[in-house]
PDB file of all heavy atoms in Angstrom:
ATOM      1  N   ASP A   1      -0.287 -23.781   0.722  1.00  0.00           N
ATOM      2  CA  ASP A   1       0.577 -24.764   1.270  1.00  0.00           C
ATOM      3  C   ASP A   1       1.457 -24.094   2.314  1.00  0.00           C
ATOM      4  O   ASP A   1       1.379 -22.866   2.564  1.00  0.00           O
ATOM      5  CB  ASP A   1       1.477 -25.370   0.201  1.00  0.00           C
ATOM      6  CG  ASP A   1       2.229 -24.349  -0.642  1.00  0.00           C
ATOM      7  OD1 ASP A   1       2.428 -23.227  -0.166  1.00  0.00           O
ATOM      8  OD2 ASP A   1       2.624 -24.670  -1.759  1.00  0.00           O
ATOM      9  N   ILE A   2       2.287 -24.886   2.995  1.00  0.00           N
ATOM     10  CA  ILE A   2       3.109 -24.350   4.141  1.00  0.00           C
ATOM     11  C   ILE A   2       4.054 -23.239   3.638  1.00  0.00           C
ATOM     12  O   ILE A   2       4.273 -22.263   4.351  1.00  0.00           O
ATOM     13  CB  ILE A   2       3.864 -25.471   4.817  1.00  0.00           C
ATOM     14  CG1 ILE A   2       2.870 -26.353   5.561  1.00  0.00           C
ATOM     15  CG2 ILE A   2       4.861 -24.907   5.816  1.00  0.00           C
ATOM     16  CD1 ILE A   2       3.488 -27.547   6.281  1.00  0.00           C
ATOM     17  N   ALA A   3       4.596 -23.402   2.432  1.00  0.00           N
ATOM     18  CA  ALA A   3       5.503 -22.345   1.925  1.00  0.00           C
ATOM     19  C   ALA A   3       4.779 -21.009   1.811  1.00  0.00           C
ATOM     20  O   ALA A   3       5.324 -19.975   2.191  1.00  0.00           O
ATOM     21  CB  ALA A   3       6.021 -22.796   0.595  1.00  0.00           C
ATOM     22  N   LEU A   4       3.550 -21.037   1.274  1.00  0.00           N
ATOM     23  CA  LEU A   4       2.843 -19.780   1.177  1.00  0.00           C
ATOM     24  C   LEU A   4       2.405 -19.271   2.502  1.00  0.00           C
ATOM     25  O   LEU A   4       2.489 -18.046   2.798  1.00  0.00           O
ATOM     26  CB  LEU A   4       1.577 -19.928   0.272  1.00  0.00           C
ATOM     27  CG  LEU A   4       0.751 -18.692   0.091  1.00  0.00           C
ATOM     28  CD1 LEU A   4       1.562 -17.574  -0.535  1.00  0.00           C
ATOM     29  CD2 LEU A   4      -0.483 -18.983  -0.778  1.00  0.00           C
ATOM     30  N   ARG A   5       2.007 -20.149   3.435  1.00  0.00           N
ATOM     31  CA  ARG A   5       1.647 -19.687   4.782  1.00  0.00           C
ATOM     32  C   ARG A   5       2.793 -19.029   5.505  1.00  0.00           C
ATOM     33  O   ARG A   5       2.605 -17.980   6.092  1.00  0.00           O
ATOM     34  CB  ARG A   5       1.140 -20.936   5.583  1.00  0.00           C
ATOM     35  CG  ARG A   5       0.958 -20.672   7.094  1.00  0.00           C
ATOM     36  CD  ARG A   5      -0.266 -19.744   7.286  1.00  0.00           C
ATOM     37  NE  ARG A   5      -0.404 -19.378   8.673  1.00  0.00           N
ATOM     38  CZ  ARG A   5       0.150 -18.272   9.267  1.00  0.00           C
ATOM     39  NH1 ARG A   5       0.954 -17.447   8.539  1.00  0.00           N
ATOM     40  NH2 ARG A   5      -0.069 -18.042  10.507  1.00  0.00           N
ATOM     41  N   GLN A   6       3.988 -19.584   5.356  1.00  0.00           N
ATOM     42  CA  GLN A   6       5.170 -18.939   6.023  1.00  0.00           C
ATOM     43  C   GLN A   6       5.530 -17.625   5.371  1.00  0.00           C
ATOM     44  O   GLN A   6       5.945 -16.681   6.065  1.00  0.00           O
ATOM     45  CB  GLN A   6       6.293 -19.968   6.046  1.00  0.00           C
ATOM     46  CG  GLN A   6       6.045 -21.146   6.910  1.00  0.00           C
ATOM     47  CD  GLN A   6       7.189 -22.121   7.047  1.00  0.00           C
ATOM     48  OE1 GLN A   6       8.107 -22.085   6.209  1.00  0.00           O
ATOM     49  NE2 GLN A   6       7.161 -22.967   8.031  1.00  0.00           N
ATOM     50  N   LEU A   7       5.367 -17.542   4.025  1.00  0.00           N
ATOM     51  CA  LEU A   7       5.613 -16.314   3.321  1.00  0.00           C
ATOM     52  C   LEU A   7       4.655 -15.223   3.760  1.00  0.00           C
ATOM     53  O   LEU A   7       4.983 -14.107   4.020  1.00  0.00           O
ATOM     54  CB  LEU A   7       5.559 -16.527   1.832  1.00  0.00           C
ATOM     55  CG  LEU A   7       5.738 -15.294   0.960  1.00  0.00           C
ATOM     56  CD1 LEU A   7       7.037 -14.624   1.187  1.00  0.00           C
ATOM     57  CD2 LEU A   7       5.572 -15.650  -0.509  1.00  0.00           C
ATOM     58  N   VAL A   8       3.359 -15.630   3.843  1.00  0.00           N
ATOM     59  CA  VAL A   8       2.340 -14.652   4.276  1.00  0.00           C
ATOM     60  C   VAL A   8       2.611 -14.181   5.693  1.00  0.00           C
ATOM     61  O   VAL A   8       2.484 -13.008   6.007  1.00  0.00           O
ATOM     62  CB  VAL A   8       0.967 -15.310   4.164  1.00  0.00           C
ATOM     63  CG1 VAL A   8      -0.118 -14.515   4.946  1.00  0.00           C
ATOM     64  CG2 VAL A   8       0.584 -15.426   2.696  1.00  0.00           C
ATOM     65  N   GLY A   9       3.003 -15.111   6.566  1.00  0.00           N
ATOM     66  CA  GLY A   9       3.383 -14.754   7.972  1.00  0.00           C
ATOM     67  C   GLY A   9       4.532 -13.778   7.980  1.00  0.00           C
ATOM     68  O   GLY A   9       4.443 -12.764   8.710  1.00  0.00           O
ATOM     69  N   ARG A  10       5.550 -14.035   7.218  1.00  0.00           N
ATOM     70  CA  ARG A  10       6.709 -13.102   7.208  1.00  0.00           C
ATOM     71  C   ARG A  10       6.344 -11.765   6.721  1.00  0.00           C
ATOM     72  O   ARG A  10       6.694 -10.728   7.300  1.00  0.00           O
ATOM     73  CB  ARG A  10       7.800 -13.712   6.339  1.00  0.00           C
ATOM     74  CG  ARG A  10       9.100 -12.823   6.265  1.00  0.00           C
ATOM     75  CD  ARG A  10      10.201 -13.475   5.526  1.00  0.00           C
ATOM     76  NE  ARG A  10       9.855 -13.770   4.134  1.00  0.00           N
ATOM     77  CZ  ARG A  10       9.912 -12.911   3.135  1.00  0.00           C
ATOM     78  NH1 ARG A  10      10.216 -11.603   3.406  1.00  0.00           N
ATOM     79  NH2 ARG A  10       9.627 -13.244   1.916  1.00  0.00           N
ATOM     80  N   LEU A  11       5.596 -11.710   5.593  1.00  0.00           N
ATOM     81  CA  LEU A  11       5.202 -10.399   5.005  1.00  0.00           C
ATOM     82  C   LEU A  11       4.303  -9.637   6.026  1.00  0.00           C
ATOM     83  O   LEU A  11       4.440  -8.418   6.156  1.00  0.00           O
ATOM     84  CB  LEU A  11       4.478 -10.594   3.711  1.00  0.00           C
ATOM     85  CG  LEU A  11       5.350 -11.070   2.516  1.00  0.00           C
ATOM     86  CD1 LEU A  11       4.460 -11.429   1.327  1.00  0.00           C
ATOM     87  CD2 LEU A  11       6.406 -10.076   2.180  1.00  0.00           C
ATOM     88  N   GLY A  12       3.433 -10.361   6.708  1.00  0.00           N
ATOM     89  CA  GLY A  12       2.541  -9.734   7.728  1.00  0.00           C
ATOM     90  C   GLY A  12       3.348  -9.153   8.870  1.00  0.00           C
ATOM     91  O   GLY A  12       3.065  -8.038   9.313  1.00  0.00           O
ATOM     92  N   ARG A  13       4.388  -9.878   9.330  1.00  0.00           N
ATOM     93  CA  ARG A  13       5.188  -9.353  10.391  1.00  0.00           C
ATOM     94  C   ARG A  13       6.023  -8.148   9.981  1.00  0.00           C
ATOM     95  O   ARG A  13       6.240  -7.208  10.742  1.00  0.00           O
ATOM     96  CB  ARG A  13       6.091 -10.455  10.963  1.00  0.00           C
ATOM     97  CG  ARG A  13       5.308 -11.492  11.756  1.00  0.00           C
ATOM     98  CD  ARG A  13       6.221 -12.519  12.439  1.00  0.00           C
ATOM     99  NE  ARG A  13       6.887 -13.404  11.466  1.00  0.00           N
ATOM    100  CZ  ARG A  13       6.361 -14.517  11.015  1.00  0.00           C
ATOM    101  NH1 ARG A  13       5.128 -14.887  11.342  1.00  0.00           N
ATOM    102  NH2 ARG A  13       7.041 -15.288  10.157  1.00  0.00           N
ATOM    103  N   GLU A  14       6.514  -8.189   8.728  1.00  0.00           N
ATOM    104  CA  GLU A  14       7.254  -7.045   8.229  1.00  0.00           C
ATOM    105  C   GLU A  14       6.267  -5.808   8.109  1.00  0.00           C
ATOM    106  O   GLU A  14       6.677  -4.660   8.388  1.00  0.00           O
ATOM    107  CB  GLU A  14       7.871  -7.386   6.824  1.00  0.00           C
ATOM    108  CG  GLU A  14       8.974  -8.368   6.941  1.00  0.00           C
ATOM    109  CD  GLU A  14       9.470  -8.819   5.551  1.00  0.00           C
ATOM    110  OE1 GLU A  14       8.868  -8.380   4.590  1.00  0.00           O
ATOM    111  OE2 GLU A  14      10.438  -9.620   5.489  1.00  0.00           O
ATOM    112  N   GLY A  15       5.071  -6.086   7.700  1.00  0.00           N
ATOM    113  CA  GLY A  15       4.080  -5.017   7.605  1.00  0.00           C
ATOM    114  C   GLY A  15       3.735  -4.434   8.978  1.00  0.00           C
ATOM    115  O   GLY A  15       3.566  -3.197   9.133  1.00  0.00           O
ATOM    116  N   GLU A  16       3.674  -5.289   9.956  1.00  0.00           N
ATOM    117  CA  GLU A  16       3.457  -4.853  11.348  1.00  0.00           C
ATOM    118  C   GLU A  16       4.562  -3.931  11.812  1.00  0.00           C
ATOM    119  O   GLU A  16       4.282  -2.901  12.436  1.00  0.00           O
ATOM    120  CB  GLU A  16       3.272  -6.032  12.258  1.00  0.00           C
ATOM    121  CG  GLU A  16       2.994  -5.644  13.689  1.00  0.00           C
ATOM    122  CD  GLU A  16       2.787  -6.854  14.626  1.00  0.00           C
ATOM    123  OE1 GLU A  16       2.245  -7.864  14.169  1.00  0.00           O
ATOM    124  OE2 GLU A  16       3.293  -6.769  15.794  1.00  0.00           O
ATOM    125  N   ALA A  17       5.775  -4.273  11.516  1.00  0.00           N
ATOM    126  CA  ALA A  17       6.914  -3.460  11.878  1.00  0.00           C
ATOM    127  C   ALA A  17       6.856  -2.054  11.210  1.00  0.00           C
ATOM    128  O   ALA A  17       7.112  -1.020  11.792  1.00  0.00           O
ATOM    129  CB  ALA A  17       8.214  -4.119  11.529  1.00  0.00           C
ATOM    130  N   GLN A  18       6.460  -2.059   9.903  1.00  0.00           N
ATOM    131  CA  GLN A  18       6.283  -0.797   9.163  1.00  0.00           C
ATOM    132  C   GLN A  18       5.170   0.057   9.809  1.00  0.00           C
ATOM    133  O   GLN A  18       5.292   1.279   9.938  1.00  0.00           O
ATOM    134  CB  GLN A  18       5.978  -1.104   7.705  1.00  0.00           C
ATOM    135  CG  GLN A  18       7.162  -1.714   6.956  1.00  0.00           C
ATOM    136  CD  GLN A  18       6.813  -2.181   5.576  1.00  0.00           C
ATOM    137  OE1 GLN A  18       5.618  -2.186   5.250  1.00  0.00           O
ATOM    138  NE2 GLN A  18       7.763  -2.675   4.813  1.00  0.00           N
ATOM    139  N   MET A  19       4.096  -0.644  10.169  1.00  0.00           N
ATOM    140  CA  MET A  19       2.977   0.057  10.848  1.00  0.00           C
ATOM    141  C   MET A  19       3.465   0.680  12.127  1.00  0.00           C
ATOM    142  O   MET A  19       3.152   1.880  12.401  1.00  0.00           O
ATOM    143  CB  MET A  19       1.841  -0.905  11.097  1.00  0.00           C
ATOM    144  CG  MET A  19       0.719  -0.349  11.919  1.00  0.00           C
ATOM    145  SD  MET A  19      -0.329  -1.629  12.646  1.00  0.00           S
ATOM    146  CE  MET A  19       0.777  -2.189  14.025  1.00  0.00           C
ATOM    147  N   MET A  20       4.152  -0.078  12.954  1.00  0.00           N
ATOM    148  CA  MET A  20       4.589   0.444  14.239  1.00  0.00           C
ATOM    149  C   MET A  20       5.543   1.615  14.083  1.00  0.00           C
ATOM    150  O   MET A  20       5.578   2.582  14.888  1.00  0.00           O
ATOM    151  CB  MET A  20       5.241  -0.665  15.053  1.00  0.00           C
ATOM    152  CG  MET A  20       4.339  -1.826  15.420  1.00  0.00           C
ATOM    153  SD  MET A  20       2.951  -1.357  16.563  1.00  0.00           S
ATOM    154  CE  MET A  20       3.795  -1.526  18.134  1.00  0.00           C
ATOM    155  N   GLU A  21       6.365   1.599  13.034  1.00  0.00           N
ATOM    156  CA  GLU A  21       7.279   2.700  12.789  1.00  0.00           C
ATOM    157  C   GLU A  21       6.457   3.962  12.369  1.00  0.00           C
ATOM    158  O   GLU A  21       6.779   5.070  12.796  1.00  0.00           O
ATOM    159  CB  GLU A  21       8.256   2.314  11.645  1.00  0.00           C
ATOM    160  CG  GLU A  21       9.252   3.441  11.352  1.00  0.00           C
ATOM    161  CD  GLU A  21      10.273   2.990  10.258  1.00  0.00           C
ATOM    162  OE1 GLU A  21      10.279   1.868   9.892  1.00  0.00           O
ATOM    163  OE2 GLU A  21      11.016   3.902   9.840  1.00  0.00           O
ATOM    164  N   ALA A  22       5.414   3.730  11.561  1.00  0.00           N
ATOM    165  CA  ALA A  22       4.600   4.881  11.088  1.00  0.00           C
ATOM    166  C   ALA A  22       3.823   5.488  12.213  1.00  0.00           C
ATOM    167  O   ALA A  22       3.471   6.678  12.183  1.00  0.00           O
ATOM    168  CB  ALA A  22       3.694   4.425   9.950  1.00  0.00           C
ATOM    169  N   THR A  23       3.466   4.669  13.195  1.00  0.00           N
ATOM    170  CA  THR A  23       2.598   5.166  14.313  1.00  0.00           C
ATOM    171  C   THR A  23       3.330   5.508  15.585  1.00  0.00           C
ATOM    172  O   THR A  23       2.699   5.851  16.550  1.00  0.00           O
ATOM    173  CB  THR A  23       1.489   4.162  14.639  1.00  0.00           C
ATOM    174  OG1 THR A  23       2.130   2.942  15.115  1.00  0.00           O
ATOM    175  CG2 THR A  23       0.635   3.832  13.391  1.00  0.00           C
ATOM    176  N   GLY A  24       4.674   5.453  15.516  1.00  0.00           N
ATOM    177  CA  GLY A  24       5.462   5.741  16.733  1.00  0.00           C
ATOM    178  C   GLY A  24       5.290   4.685  17.826  1.00  0.00           C
ATOM    179  O   GLY A  24       5.337   5.011  18.991  1.00  0.00           O
ATOM    180  N   GLY A  25       5.078   3.421  17.428  1.00  0.00           N
ATOM    181  CA  GLY A  25       4.966   2.351  18.334  1.00  0.00           C
ATOM    182  C   GLY A  25       3.595   2.033  18.851  1.00  0.00           C
ATOM    183  O   GLY A  25       3.415   1.192  19.731  1.00  0.00           O
ATOM    184  N   VAL A  26       2.589   2.690  18.306  1.00  0.00           N
ATOM    185  CA  VAL A  26       1.180   2.452  18.702  1.00  0.00           C
ATOM    186  C   VAL A  26       0.579   1.354  17.826  1.00  0.00           C
ATOM    187  O   VAL A  26       0.629   1.366  16.626  1.00  0.00           O
ATOM    188  CB  VAL A  26       0.316   3.707  18.583  1.00  0.00           C
ATOM    189  CG1 VAL A  26      -1.116   3.425  18.992  1.00  0.00           C
ATOM    190  CG2 VAL A  26       0.895   4.837  19.435  1.00  0.00           C
ATOM    191  N   ASN A  27      -0.042   0.329  18.477  1.00  0.00           N
ATOM    192  CA  ASN A  27      -0.716  -0.758  17.722  1.00  0.00           C
ATOM    193  C   ASN A  27      -2.060  -0.269  17.223  1.00  0.00           C
ATOM    194  O   ASN A  27      -3.029  -0.183  17.998  1.00  0.00           O
ATOM    195  CB  ASN A  27      -0.881  -1.982  18.639  1.00  0.00           C
ATOM    196  CG  ASN A  27      -1.745  -3.035  18.010  1.00  0.00           C
ATOM    197  OD1 ASN A  27      -1.810  -3.098  16.753  1.00  0.00           O
ATOM    198  ND2 ASN A  27      -2.361  -3.924  18.774  1.00  0.00           N
ATOM    199  N   THR A  28      -2.143   0.026  15.932  1.00  0.00           N
ATOM    200  CA  THR A  28      -3.330   0.490  15.340  1.00  0.00           C
ATOM    201  C   THR A  28      -4.056  -0.610  14.610  1.00  0.00           C
ATOM    202  O   THR A  28      -5.313  -0.705  14.680  1.00  0.00           O
ATOM    203  CB  THR A  28      -3.070   1.648  14.411  1.00  0.00           C
ATOM    204  OG1 THR A  28      -1.896   1.288  13.601  1.00  0.00           O
ATOM    205  CG2 THR A  28      -2.764   2.936  15.112  1.00  0.00           C
ATOM    206  N   HIS A  29      -3.353  -1.439  13.891  1.00  0.00           N
ATOM    207  CA  HIS A  29      -4.009  -2.342  12.971  1.00  0.00           C
ATOM    208  C   HIS A  29      -3.410  -3.799  12.973  1.00  0.00           C
ATOM    209  O   HIS A  29      -3.444  -4.507  11.975  1.00  0.00           O
ATOM    210  CB  HIS A  29      -3.911  -1.825  11.555  1.00  0.00           C
ATOM    211  CG  HIS A  29      -4.884  -0.720  11.203  1.00  0.00           C
ATOM    212  ND1 HIS A  29      -4.468   0.519  10.768  1.00  0.00           N
ATOM    213  CD2 HIS A  29      -6.213  -0.673  11.316  1.00  0.00           C
ATOM    214  CE1 HIS A  29      -5.488   1.298  10.612  1.00  0.00           C
ATOM    215  NE2 HIS A  29      -6.566   0.582  10.928  1.00  0.00           N
ATOM    216  N   ARG A  30      -2.874  -4.213  14.129  1.00  0.00           N
ATOM    217  CA  ARG A  30      -2.276  -5.532  14.183  1.00  0.00           C
ATOM    218  C   ARG A  30      -3.327  -6.660  13.790  1.00  0.00           C
ATOM    219  O   ARG A  30      -3.003  -7.546  13.002  1.00  0.00           O
ATOM    220  CB  ARG A  30      -1.699  -5.824  15.521  1.00  0.00           C
ATOM    221  CG  ARG A  30      -0.983  -7.166  15.657  1.00  0.00           C
ATOM    222  CD  ARG A  30      -0.363  -7.375  17.018  1.00  0.00           C
ATOM    223  NE  ARG A  30       0.776  -6.431  17.200  1.00  0.00           N
ATOM    224  CZ  ARG A  30       1.209  -5.997  18.362  1.00  0.00           C
ATOM    225  NH1 ARG A  30       0.542  -6.294  19.448  1.00  0.00           N
ATOM    226  NH2 ARG A  30       2.239  -5.216  18.440  1.00  0.00           N
ATOM    227  N   GLY A  31      -4.503  -6.578  14.357  1.00  0.00           N
ATOM    228  CA  GLY A  31      -5.546  -7.544  14.039  1.00  0.00           C
ATOM    229  C   GLY A  31      -5.981  -7.472  12.618  1.00  0.00           C
ATOM    230  O   GLY A  31      -6.278  -8.475  11.981  1.00  0.00           O
ATOM    231  N   ALA A  32      -6.029  -6.257  12.094  1.00  0.00           N
ATOM    232  CA  ALA A  32      -6.458  -6.082  10.714  1.00  0.00           C
ATOM    233  C   ALA A  32      -5.452  -6.624   9.740  1.00  0.00           C
ATOM    234  O   ALA A  32      -5.825  -7.168   8.657  1.00  0.00           O
ATOM    235  CB  ALA A  32      -6.673  -4.588  10.447  1.00  0.00           C
ATOM    236  N   ILE A  33      -4.148  -6.589  10.048  1.00  0.00           N
ATOM    237  CA  ILE A  33      -3.154  -7.140   9.203  1.00  0.00           C
ATOM    238  C   ILE A  33      -3.400  -8.635   9.021  1.00  0.00           C
ATOM    239  O   ILE A  33      -3.312  -9.195   7.948  1.00  0.00           O
ATOM    240  CB  ILE A  33      -1.748  -6.913   9.760  1.00  0.00           C
ATOM    241  CG1 ILE A  33      -1.421  -5.393   9.740  1.00  0.00           C
ATOM    242  CG2 ILE A  33      -0.672  -7.661   8.953  1.00  0.00           C
ATOM    243  CD1 ILE A  33      -0.137  -5.048  10.433  1.00  0.00           C
ATOM    244  N   TRP A  34      -3.779  -9.304  10.141  1.00  0.00           N
ATOM    245  CA  TRP A  34      -4.033 -10.733  10.097  1.00  0.00           C
ATOM    246  C   TRP A  34      -5.281 -11.017   9.264  1.00  0.00           C
ATOM    247  O   TRP A  34      -5.192 -11.820   8.318  1.00  0.00           O
ATOM    248  CB  TRP A  34      -4.232 -11.248  11.565  1.00  0.00           C
ATOM    249  CG  TRP A  34      -4.873 -12.625  11.659  1.00  0.00           C
ATOM    250  CD1 TRP A  34      -6.118 -12.902  12.056  1.00  0.00           C
ATOM    251  CD2 TRP A  34      -4.198 -13.871  11.400  1.00  0.00           C
ATOM    252  NE1 TRP A  34      -6.332 -14.265  12.137  1.00  0.00           N
ATOM    253  CE2 TRP A  34      -5.168 -14.903  11.710  1.00  0.00           C
ATOM    254  CE3 TRP A  34      -2.949 -14.287  10.975  1.00  0.00           C
ATOM    255  CZ2 TRP A  34      -4.908 -16.224  11.560  1.00  0.00           C
ATOM    256  CZ3 TRP A  34      -2.662 -15.607  10.870  1.00  0.00           C
ATOM    257  CH2 TRP A  34      -3.632 -16.548  11.164  1.00  0.00           C
ATOM    258  N   ALA A  35      -6.340 -10.333   9.506  1.00  0.00           N
ATOM    259  CA  ALA A  35      -7.592 -10.652   8.774  1.00  0.00           C
ATOM    260  C   ALA A  35      -7.545 -10.277   7.349  1.00  0.00           C
ATOM    261  O   ALA A  35      -7.788 -11.056   6.445  1.00  0.00           O
ATOM    262  CB  ALA A  35      -8.790  -9.939   9.535  1.00  0.00           C
ATOM    263  N   LEU A  36      -7.158  -8.986   7.060  1.00  0.00           N
ATOM    264  CA  LEU A  36      -7.150  -8.538   5.718  1.00  0.00           C
ATOM    265  C   LEU A  36      -6.019  -9.177   4.933  1.00  0.00           C
ATOM    266  O   LEU A  36      -6.179  -9.478   3.729  1.00  0.00           O
ATOM    267  CB  LEU A  36      -7.025  -7.003   5.645  1.00  0.00           C
ATOM    268  CG  LEU A  36      -8.402  -6.251   5.660  1.00  0.00           C
ATOM    269  CD1 LEU A  36      -9.100  -6.399   6.980  1.00  0.00           C
ATOM    270  CD2 LEU A  36      -8.205  -4.751   5.389  1.00  0.00           C
ATOM    271  N   GLY A  37      -4.942  -9.395   5.618  1.00  0.00           N
ATOM    272  CA  GLY A  37      -3.767 -10.062   4.934  1.00  0.00           C
ATOM    273  C   GLY A  37      -4.164 -11.408   4.404  1.00  0.00           C
ATOM    274  O   GLY A  37      -3.839 -11.781   3.276  1.00  0.00           O
ATOM    275  N   LEU A  38      -4.850 -12.213   5.220  1.00  0.00           N
ATOM    276  CA  LEU A  38      -5.241 -13.530   4.820  1.00  0.00           C
ATOM    277  C   LEU A  38      -6.235 -13.456   3.652  1.00  0.00           C
ATOM    278  O   LEU A  38      -6.158 -14.219   2.673  1.00  0.00           O
ATOM    279  CB  LEU A  38      -5.877 -14.309   5.952  1.00  0.00           C
ATOM    280  CG  LEU A  38      -4.960 -14.869   7.004  1.00  0.00           C
ATOM    281  CD1 LEU A  38      -5.778 -15.350   8.211  1.00  0.00           C
ATOM    282  CD2 LEU A  38      -4.114 -16.037   6.396  1.00  0.00           C
ATOM    283  N   LEU A  39      -7.177 -12.519   3.718  1.00  0.00           N
ATOM    284  CA  LEU A  39      -8.199 -12.392   2.698  1.00  0.00           C
ATOM    285  C   LEU A  39      -7.638 -11.880   1.352  1.00  0.00           C
ATOM    286  O   LEU A  39      -8.049 -12.296   0.290  1.00  0.00           O
ATOM    287  CB  LEU A  39      -9.346 -11.507   3.171  1.00  0.00           C
ATOM    288  CG  LEU A  39     -10.221 -12.134   4.307  1.00  0.00           C
ATOM    289  CD1 LEU A  39     -11.155 -11.082   4.902  1.00  0.00           C
ATOM    290  CD2 LEU A  39     -11.006 -13.318   3.741  1.00  0.00           C
ATOM    291  N   ILE A  40      -6.674 -11.011   1.488  1.00  0.00           N
ATOM    292  CA  ILE A  40      -6.015 -10.510   0.205  1.00  0.00           C
ATOM    293  C   ILE A  40      -5.293 -11.645  -0.430  1.00  0.00           C
ATOM    294  O   ILE A  40      -5.398 -11.874  -1.666  1.00  0.00           O
ATOM    295  CB  ILE A  40      -5.021  -9.361   0.577  1.00  0.00           C
ATOM    296  CG1 ILE A  40      -5.767  -8.117   0.948  1.00  0.00           C
ATOM    297  CG2 ILE A  40      -4.082  -9.080  -0.569  1.00  0.00           C
ATOM    298  CD1 ILE A  40      -4.928  -7.034   1.625  1.00  0.00           C
ATOM    299  N   SER A  41      -4.552 -12.413   0.340  1.00  0.00           N
ATOM    300  CA  SER A  41      -3.801 -13.581  -0.186  1.00  0.00           C
ATOM    301  C   SER A  41      -4.830 -14.585  -0.792  1.00  0.00           C
ATOM    302  O   SER A  41      -4.596 -15.130  -1.884  1.00  0.00           O
ATOM    303  CB  SER A  41      -2.967 -14.262   0.873  1.00  0.00           C
ATOM    304  OG  SER A  41      -1.942 -13.406   1.301  1.00  0.00           O
ATOM    305  N   ALA A  42      -5.896 -14.813  -0.098  1.00  0.00           N
ATOM    306  CA  ALA A  42      -6.915 -15.779  -0.566  1.00  0.00           C
ATOM    307  C   ALA A  42      -7.523 -15.281  -1.856  1.00  0.00           C
ATOM    308  O   ALA A  42      -7.790 -16.143  -2.753  1.00  0.00           O
ATOM    309  CB  ALA A  42      -7.930 -15.942   0.508  1.00  0.00           C
ATOM    310  N   ALA A  43      -7.854 -14.006  -1.966  1.00  0.00           N
ATOM    311  CA  ALA A  43      -8.350 -13.467  -3.263  1.00  0.00           C
ATOM    312  C   ALA A  43      -7.418 -13.605  -4.393  1.00  0.00           C
ATOM    313  O   ALA A  43      -7.762 -13.921  -5.514  1.00  0.00           O
ATOM    314  CB  ALA A  43      -8.812 -12.028  -3.081  1.00  0.00           C
ATOM    315  N   ALA A  44      -6.081 -13.329  -4.081  1.00  0.00           N
ATOM    316  CA  ALA A  44      -5.074 -13.423  -5.122  1.00  0.00           C
ATOM    317  C   ALA A  44      -4.855 -14.899  -5.521  1.00  0.00           C
ATOM    318  O   ALA A  44      -4.483 -15.165  -6.725  1.00  0.00           O
ATOM    319  CB  ALA A  44      -3.790 -12.841  -4.593  1.00  0.00           C
TER     320      ALA A  44
END
């Protein structure tokens, strides 16, 4: 539902910020966060 979609989006964006901090600002896995994030949520 929309509530879960918005929660998944927020968690994904927070994860992207953590990723960028870990990599010194280099985009390593932005696309993977989207794909794997959705599939993880879907499996759960």
